[in-house]
């Protein structure tokens, strides 16, 4: 094993830009029912699941918060295990379309967009 000769502190990645962050929207989403409540096997508390194929993902960063849908822990865990493509096929879900609907329905959207 080679020893490191320089012990500089590791450079941290930049944080997400403000245009990708909408914490109030994520909080609002967590108060909505699971996007798959019709499937009937919801379990656990609600989380905001980011639809990572939405397109504005960067190296080491996730997509914008506006591309998120509400999911229970059970469905969110399955989505991570199966990946979006398999997950959407299994549940006949169009998560990206749902994320747009939730974003448009969010009462704080106009104020957030005006601040950007």
C-alpha atoms as a PDB file:
ATOM      1  CA  UNK A   1       0.000   0.000   0.000  1.00  0.00           C
ATOM      2  CA  UNK A   2       1.305   3.430  -0.947  1.00  0.00           C
ATOM      3  CA  UNK A   3       1.383   6.180   1.624  1.00  0.00           C
ATOM      4  CA  UNK A   4       0.070   9.593   0.764  1.00  0.00           C
ATOM      5  CA  UNK A   5       2.774  12.219   0.797  1.00  0.00           C
ATOM      6  CA  UNK A   6       0.514  15.277   0.895  1.00  0.00           C
ATOM      7  CA  UNK A   7      -2.249  15.638   3.426  1.00  0.00           C
ATOM      8  CA  UNK A   8      -4.166  18.594   2.061  1.00  0.00           C
ATOM      9  CA  UNK A   9      -7.781  18.846   3.135  1.00  0.00           C
ATOM     10  CA  UNK A  10     -10.084  17.333   0.545  1.00  0.00           C
ATOM     11  CA  UNK A  11     -11.780  19.901  -1.684  1.00  0.00           C
ATOM     12  CA  UNK A  12     -15.528  19.770  -1.242  1.00  0.00           C
ATOM     13  CA  UNK A  13     -17.927  19.941  -4.127  1.00  0.00           C
ATOM     14  CA  UNK A  14     -19.907  23.097  -4.583  1.00  0.00           C
ATOM     15  CA  UNK A  15     -23.372  23.151  -3.108  1.00  0.00           C
ATOM     16  CA  UNK A  16     -26.447  23.055  -5.296  1.00  0.00           C
ATOM     17  CA  UNK A  17     -27.312  26.392  -6.920  1.00  0.00           C
ATOM     18  CA  UNK A  18     -30.314  28.263  -5.502  1.00  0.00           C
ATOM     19  CA  UNK A  19     -32.172  27.763  -8.792  1.00  0.00           C
ATOM     20  CA  UNK A  20     -32.239  24.000  -8.089  1.00  0.00           C
ATOM     21  CA  UNK A  21     -33.363  24.270  -4.463  1.00  0.00           C
ATOM     22  CA  UNK A  22     -36.960  24.670  -3.333  1.00  0.00           C
ATOM     23  CA  UNK A  23     -37.102  23.344   0.247  1.00  0.00           C
ATOM     24  CA  UNK A  24     -40.608  24.719   0.830  1.00  0.00           C
ATOM     25  CA  UNK A  25     -41.834  22.748  -2.188  1.00  0.00           C
ATOM     26  CA  UNK A  26     -40.270  19.534  -0.835  1.00  0.00           C
ATOM     27  CA  UNK A  27     -41.935  20.157   2.522  1.00  0.00           C
ATOM     28  CA  UNK A  28     -45.276  20.705   0.781  1.00  0.00           C
ATOM     29  CA  UNK A  29     -44.798  17.464  -1.194  1.00  0.00           C
ATOM     30  CA  UNK A  30     -44.193  15.492   2.004  1.00  0.00           C
ATOM     31  CA  UNK A  31     -47.679  16.569   3.104  1.00  0.00           C
ATOM     32  CA  UNK A  32     -49.313  15.056  -0.001  1.00  0.00           C
ATOM     33  CA  UNK A  33     -50.380  11.406  -0.334  1.00  0.00           C
ATOM     34  CA  UNK A  34     -48.048   8.966  -2.063  1.00  0.00           C
ATOM     35  CA  UNK A  35     -48.133   9.293  -5.850  1.00  0.00           C
ATOM     36  CA  UNK A  36     -48.834   5.538  -5.861  1.00  0.00           C
ATOM     37  CA  UNK A  37     -51.540   5.428  -3.204  1.00  0.00           C
ATOM     38  CA  UNK A  38     -53.791   3.712  -5.787  1.00  0.00           C
ATOM     39  CA  UNK A  39     -51.405   0.729  -5.660  1.00  0.00           C
ATOM     40  CA  UNK A  40     -52.528   0.227  -2.066  1.00  0.00           C
ATOM     41  CA  UNK A  41     -49.233  -0.961  -0.584  1.00  0.00           C
ATOM     42  CA  UNK A  42     -47.993   2.333   0.837  1.00  0.00           C
ATOM     43  CA  UNK A  43     -45.998   2.185   4.035  1.00  0.00           C
ATOM     44  CA  UNK A  44     -43.906   4.599   6.034  1.00  0.00           C
ATOM     45  CA  UNK A  45     -43.598   8.340   6.153  1.00  0.00           C
ATOM     46  CA  UNK A  46     -43.656  10.520   3.071  1.00  0.00           C
ATOM     47  CA  UNK A  47     -40.537  11.649   1.235  1.00  0.00           C
ATOM     48  CA  UNK A  48     -39.923  13.798  -1.829  1.00  0.00           C
ATOM     49  CA  UNK A  49     -38.520  11.485  -4.520  1.00  0.00           C
ATOM     50  CA  UNK A  50     -36.449  13.264  -7.182  1.00  0.00           C
ATOM     51  CA  UNK A  51     -37.097  12.095 -10.752  1.00  0.00           C
ATOM     52  CA  UNK A  52     -33.439  11.903 -11.733  1.00  0.00           C
ATOM     53  CA  UNK A  53     -33.900  11.495 -15.473  1.00  0.00           C
ATOM     54  CA  UNK A  54     -35.517  14.960 -15.719  1.00  0.00           C
ATOM     55  CA  UNK A  55     -32.424  16.358 -17.387  1.00  0.00           C
ATOM     56  CA  UNK A  56     -30.716  18.982 -15.244  1.00  0.00           C
ATOM     57  CA  UNK A  57     -28.642  16.586 -13.203  1.00  0.00           C
ATOM     58  CA  UNK A  58     -24.964  17.466 -12.874  1.00  0.00           C
ATOM     59  CA  UNK A  59     -21.851  15.606 -11.815  1.00  0.00           C
ATOM     60  CA  UNK A  60     -22.298  14.888  -8.128  1.00  0.00           C
ATOM     61  CA  UNK A  61     -25.640  16.669  -7.903  1.00  0.00           C
ATOM     62  CA  UNK A  62     -29.259  15.615  -8.131  1.00  0.00           C
ATOM     63  CA  UNK A  63     -31.920  17.184 -10.301  1.00  0.00           C
ATOM     64  CA  UNK A  64     -33.795  20.318  -9.313  1.00  0.00           C
ATOM     65  CA  UNK A  65     -36.292  19.993  -6.498  1.00  0.00           C
ATOM     66  CA  UNK A  66     -39.059  20.928  -8.929  1.00  0.00           C
ATOM     67  CA  UNK A  67     -38.692  17.433 -10.430  1.00  0.00           C
ATOM     68  CA  UNK A  68     -39.871  15.574  -7.341  1.00  0.00           C
ATOM     69  CA  UNK A  69     -42.980  13.584  -6.446  1.00  0.00           C
ATOM     70  CA  UNK A  70     -44.349  12.507  -3.063  1.00  0.00           C
ATOM     71  CA  UNK A  71     -43.676   8.866  -2.193  1.00  0.00           C
ATOM     72  CA  UNK A  72     -43.955   6.719   0.883  1.00  0.00           C
ATOM     73  CA  UNK A  73     -40.796   5.033   2.167  1.00  0.00           C
ATOM     74  CA  UNK A  74     -41.810   1.639   0.760  1.00  0.00           C
ATOM     75  CA  UNK A  75     -42.258   2.891  -2.807  1.00  0.00           C
ATOM     76  CA  UNK A  76     -39.190   5.128  -2.632  1.00  0.00           C
ATOM     77  CA  UNK A  77     -37.055   2.179  -1.540  1.00  0.00           C
ATOM     78  CA  UNK A  78     -38.384   0.047  -4.418  1.00  0.00           C
ATOM     79  CA  UNK A  79     -37.706   2.855  -6.856  1.00  0.00           C
ATOM     80  CA  UNK A  80     -34.064   3.005  -5.747  1.00  0.00           C
ATOM     81  CA  UNK A  81     -33.665  -0.773  -5.992  1.00  0.00           C
ATOM     82  CA  UNK A  82     -35.355  -1.194  -9.382  1.00  0.00           C
ATOM     83  CA  UNK A  83     -34.430   2.121 -11.025  1.00  0.00           C
ATOM     84  CA  UNK A  84     -36.901   4.534 -12.560  1.00  0.00           C
ATOM     85  CA  UNK A  85     -37.496   2.657 -15.817  1.00  0.00           C
ATOM     86  CA  UNK A  86     -38.483  -0.659 -14.209  1.00  0.00           C
ATOM     87  CA  UNK A  87     -40.343   1.073 -11.397  1.00  0.00           C
ATOM     88  CA  UNK A  88     -42.480   3.126 -13.785  1.00  0.00           C
ATOM     89  CA  UNK A  89     -43.261   0.091 -15.936  1.00  0.00           C
ATOM     90  CA  UNK A  90     -44.286  -1.972 -12.911  1.00  0.00           C
ATOM     91  CA  UNK A  91     -46.639   0.706 -11.579  1.00  0.00           C
ATOM     92  CA  UNK A  92     -47.688   2.244 -14.931  1.00  0.00           C
ATOM     93  CA  UNK A  93     -46.417   5.597 -13.682  1.00  0.00           C
ATOM     94  CA  UNK A  94     -45.186   8.672 -15.536  1.00  0.00           C
ATOM     95  CA  UNK A  95     -43.272  10.308 -12.700  1.00  0.00           C
ATOM     96  CA  UNK A  96     -41.901  13.220 -14.714  1.00  0.00           C
ATOM     97  CA  UNK A  97     -45.401  14.237 -15.809  1.00  0.00           C
ATOM     98  CA  UNK A  98     -46.593  13.989 -12.206  1.00  0.00           C
ATOM     99  CA  UNK A  99     -43.675  16.150 -11.045  1.00  0.00           C
ATOM    100  CA  UNK A 100     -44.772  18.895 -13.450  1.00  0.00           C
ATOM    101  CA  UNK A 101     -48.352  18.664 -12.124  1.00  0.00           C
ATOM    102  CA  UNK A 102     -47.207  18.922  -8.494  1.00  0.00           C
ATOM    103  CA  UNK A 103     -44.940  21.858  -9.316  1.00  0.00           C
ATOM    104  CA  UNK A 104     -47.834  23.721 -10.987  1.00  0.00           C
ATOM    105  CA  UNK A 105     -50.138  22.926  -8.037  1.00  0.00           C
ATOM    106  CA  UNK A 106     -47.698  24.175  -5.370  1.00  0.00           C
ATOM    107  CA  UNK A 107     -49.147  27.359  -3.800  1.00  0.00           C
ATOM    108  CA  UNK A 108     -45.651  28.874  -3.296  1.00  0.00           C
ATOM    109  CA  UNK A 109     -44.499  28.446  -6.901  1.00  0.00           C
ATOM    110  CA  UNK A 110     -45.192  31.991  -8.144  1.00  0.00           C
ATOM    111  CA  UNK A 111     -43.322  33.555  -5.229  1.00  0.00           C
ATOM    112  CA  UNK A 112     -40.385  31.138  -5.632  1.00  0.00           C
ATOM    113  CA  UNK A 113     -40.158  31.752  -9.394  1.00  0.00           C
ATOM    114  CA  UNK A 114     -40.317  35.551  -8.915  1.00  0.00           C
ATOM    115  CA  UNK A 115     -37.340  35.335  -6.537  1.00  0.00           C
ATOM    116  CA  UNK A 116     -35.171  33.494  -9.073  1.00  0.00           C
END
